[in-house]
C-alpha atoms as a PDB file:
ATOM      1  CA  UNK A   1     -33.725 -14.200  26.847  1.00  0.00           C
ATOM      2  CA  UNK A   2     -29.931 -14.188  27.975  1.00  0.00           C
ATOM      3  CA  UNK A   3     -27.280 -14.316  24.894  1.00  0.00           C
ATOM      4  CA  UNK A   4     -24.035 -15.720  25.286  1.00  0.00           C
ATOM      5  CA  UNK A   5     -20.806 -15.724  23.140  1.00  0.00           C
ATOM      6  CA  UNK A   6     -18.064 -18.270  23.729  1.00  0.00           C
ATOM      7  CA  UNK A   7     -14.854 -17.183  21.550  1.00  0.00           C
ATOM      8  CA  UNK A   8     -11.362 -18.518  21.298  1.00  0.00           C
ATOM      9  CA  UNK A   9      -8.508 -16.526  20.390  1.00  0.00           C
ATOM     10  CA  UNK A  10      -4.845 -17.379  19.546  1.00  0.00           C
ATOM     11  CA  UNK A  11      -2.244 -15.009  18.501  1.00  0.00           C
ATOM     12  CA  UNK A  12       1.630 -15.050  18.388  1.00  0.00           C
ATOM     13  CA  UNK A  13       3.271 -15.205  21.803  1.00  0.00           C
ATOM     14  CA  UNK A  14       5.000 -11.945  20.291  1.00  0.00           C
ATOM     15  CA  UNK A  15       1.602  -9.937  20.294  1.00  0.00           C
ATOM     16  CA  UNK A  16       0.246 -11.675  23.128  1.00  0.00           C
ATOM     17  CA  UNK A  17       0.831  -8.528  25.487  1.00  0.00           C
ATOM     18  CA  UNK A  18      -1.191  -6.227  23.060  1.00  0.00           C
ATOM     19  CA  UNK A  19      -3.814  -8.564  22.329  1.00  0.00           C
ATOM     20  CA  UNK A  20      -4.468  -9.149  26.350  1.00  0.00           C
ATOM     21  CA  UNK A  21      -4.261  -4.886  26.813  1.00  0.00           C
ATOM     22  CA  UNK A  22      -6.962  -4.372  24.401  1.00  0.00           C
ATOM     23  CA  UNK A  23      -9.120  -7.185  25.856  1.00  0.00           C
ATOM     24  CA  UNK A  24      -8.825  -5.984  29.531  1.00  0.00           C
ATOM     25  CA  UNK A  25      -9.527  -2.453  27.755  1.00  0.00           C
ATOM     26  CA  UNK A  26     -13.028  -4.201  26.175  1.00  0.00           C
ATOM     27  CA  UNK A  27     -13.951  -5.501  29.345  1.00  0.00           C
ATOM     28  CA  UNK A  28     -14.132  -2.298  31.347  1.00  0.00           C
ATOM     29  CA  UNK A  29     -16.337  -0.677  28.042  1.00  0.00           C
ATOM     30  CA  UNK A  30     -18.383  -3.758  27.692  1.00  0.00           C
ATOM     31  CA  UNK A  31     -19.375  -3.833  31.193  1.00  0.00           C
ATOM     32  CA  UNK A  32     -20.689  -0.791  31.189  1.00  0.00           C
ATOM     33  CA  UNK A  33     -23.219  -1.136  28.514  1.00  0.00           C
ATOM     34  CA  UNK A  34     -26.799  -1.405  29.357  1.00  0.00           C
ATOM     35  CA  UNK A  35     -27.316  -5.150  27.776  1.00  0.00           C
ATOM     36  CA  UNK A  36     -24.267  -6.494  29.318  1.00  0.00           C
ATOM     37  CA  UNK A  37     -24.952  -9.141  32.219  1.00  0.00           C
ATOM     38  CA  UNK A  38     -20.929 -10.664  32.175  1.00  0.00           C
ATOM     39  CA  UNK A  39     -17.813 -10.348  30.445  1.00  0.00           C
ATOM     40  CA  UNK A  40     -14.862 -11.911  31.218  1.00  0.00           C
ATOM     41  CA  UNK A  41     -11.579 -12.653  29.543  1.00  0.00           C
ATOM     42  CA  UNK A  42      -9.088 -15.758  30.308  1.00  0.00           C
ATOM     43  CA  UNK A  43      -5.900 -16.330  29.287  1.00  0.00           C
ATOM     44  CA  UNK A  44      -4.533 -20.143  28.659  1.00  0.00           C
ATOM     45  CA  UNK A  45      -2.434 -21.959  30.948  1.00  0.00           C
ATOM     46  CA  UNK A  46      -1.382 -24.415  28.207  1.00  0.00           C
ATOM     47  CA  UNK A  47      -1.670 -22.139  25.124  1.00  0.00           C
ATOM     48  CA  UNK A  48       0.660 -19.376  25.024  1.00  0.00           C
ATOM     49  CA  UNK A  49      -1.129 -16.623  23.359  1.00  0.00           C
ATOM     50  CA  UNK A  50      -4.534 -17.855  23.671  1.00  0.00           C
ATOM     51  CA  UNK A  51      -7.400 -16.688  25.055  1.00  0.00           C
ATOM     52  CA  UNK A  52     -11.447 -17.374  25.991  1.00  0.00           C
ATOM     53  CA  UNK A  53     -13.889 -15.049  26.229  1.00  0.00           C
ATOM     54  CA  UNK A  54     -17.189 -15.309  27.704  1.00  0.00           C
ATOM     55  CA  UNK A  55     -19.888 -12.951  27.147  1.00  0.00           C
ATOM     56  CA  UNK A  56     -23.370 -12.571  28.562  1.00  0.00           C
ATOM     57  CA  UNK A  57     -25.700 -10.271  27.205  1.00  0.00           C
ATOM     58  CA  UNK A  58     -29.470  -9.352  27.598  1.00  0.00           C
ATOM     59  CA  UNK A  59     -30.746 -10.489  24.272  1.00  0.00           C
ATOM     60  CA  UNK A  60     -29.237 -11.017  20.612  1.00  0.00           C
ATOM     61  CA  UNK A  61     -29.913  -7.180  20.281  1.00  0.00           C
ATOM     62  CA  UNK A  62     -28.233  -6.236  23.138  1.00  0.00           C
ATOM     63  CA  UNK A  63     -24.816  -7.955  21.679  1.00  0.00           C
ATOM     64  CA  UNK A  64     -25.439  -5.880  18.228  1.00  0.00           C
ATOM     65  CA  UNK A  65     -25.469  -2.907  20.354  1.00  0.00           C
ATOM     66  CA  UNK A  66     -22.274  -4.311  21.484  1.00  0.00           C
ATOM     67  CA  UNK A  67     -20.613  -5.268  18.258  1.00  0.00           C
ATOM     68  CA  UNK A  68     -21.858  -1.486  17.042  1.00  0.00           C
ATOM     69  CA  UNK A  69     -19.790   0.240  19.245  1.00  0.00           C
ATOM     70  CA  UNK A  70     -16.892   2.751  18.682  1.00  0.00           C
ATOM     71  CA  UNK A  71     -15.070   0.698  21.385  1.00  0.00           C
ATOM     72  CA  UNK A  72     -15.378  -2.905  19.594  1.00  0.00           C
ATOM     73  CA  UNK A  73     -14.183  -1.643  16.599  1.00  0.00           C
ATOM     74  CA  UNK A  74     -11.203  -0.036  18.164  1.00  0.00           C
ATOM     75  CA  UNK A  75     -10.276  -2.539  20.161  1.00  0.00           C
ATOM     76  CA  UNK A  76     -11.434  -5.754  18.675  1.00  0.00           C
ATOM     77  CA  UNK A  77     -11.946  -4.679  14.723  1.00  0.00           C
ATOM     78  CA  UNK A  78      -8.849  -2.644  14.711  1.00  0.00           C
ATOM     79  CA  UNK A  79      -6.559  -4.044  17.419  1.00  0.00           C
ATOM     80  CA  UNK A  80      -7.273  -7.369  18.271  1.00  0.00           C
ATOM     81  CA  UNK A  81      -8.474  -9.037  15.037  1.00  0.00           C
ATOM     82  CA  UNK A  82      -5.768  -8.449  12.338  1.00  0.00           C
ATOM     83  CA  UNK A  83      -2.839  -9.917  15.286  1.00  0.00           C
ATOM     84  CA  UNK A  84      -5.195 -13.574  15.766  1.00  0.00           C
ATOM     85  CA  UNK A  85      -3.692 -16.290  14.114  1.00  0.00           C
ATOM     86  CA  UNK A  86      -7.204 -18.447  15.518  1.00  0.00           C
ATOM     87  CA  UNK A  87     -10.705 -17.305  16.080  1.00  0.00           C
ATOM     88  CA  UNK A  88     -13.643 -19.119  16.762  1.00  0.00           C
ATOM     89  CA  UNK A  89     -16.679 -17.701  17.870  1.00  0.00           C
ATOM     90  CA  UNK A  90     -20.020 -19.546  19.218  1.00  0.00           C
ATOM     91  CA  UNK A  91     -23.348 -18.113  20.070  1.00  0.00           C
ATOM     92  CA  UNK A  92     -25.762 -19.500  22.399  1.00  0.00           C
ATOM     93  CA  UNK A  93     -29.095 -18.579  23.696  1.00  0.00           C
ATOM     94  CA  UNK A  94     -30.366 -19.717  27.459  1.00  0.00           C
ATOM     95  CA  UNK A  95     -32.547 -22.429  27.956  1.00  0.00           C
END
């Protein structure tokens, strides 16, 4: 069963380039993971510093493996999250 992640991130406009760069690097790494089916990064047109991520994994275990990677720790935990002013993540299973 496919497992999806919908993430809404917001940072200060001054940090937007750093967050964007890290998210695009993350996309490159994630698409090479065996359980990843899709990883899309969007910049919100009407929200400065706003990003929307859409991710799909084969299952919850695939997402958990993704969250345990070195690139997740470096790019998301250490680089992106400290710069966020708002973060909402929704997890869903495909019906």
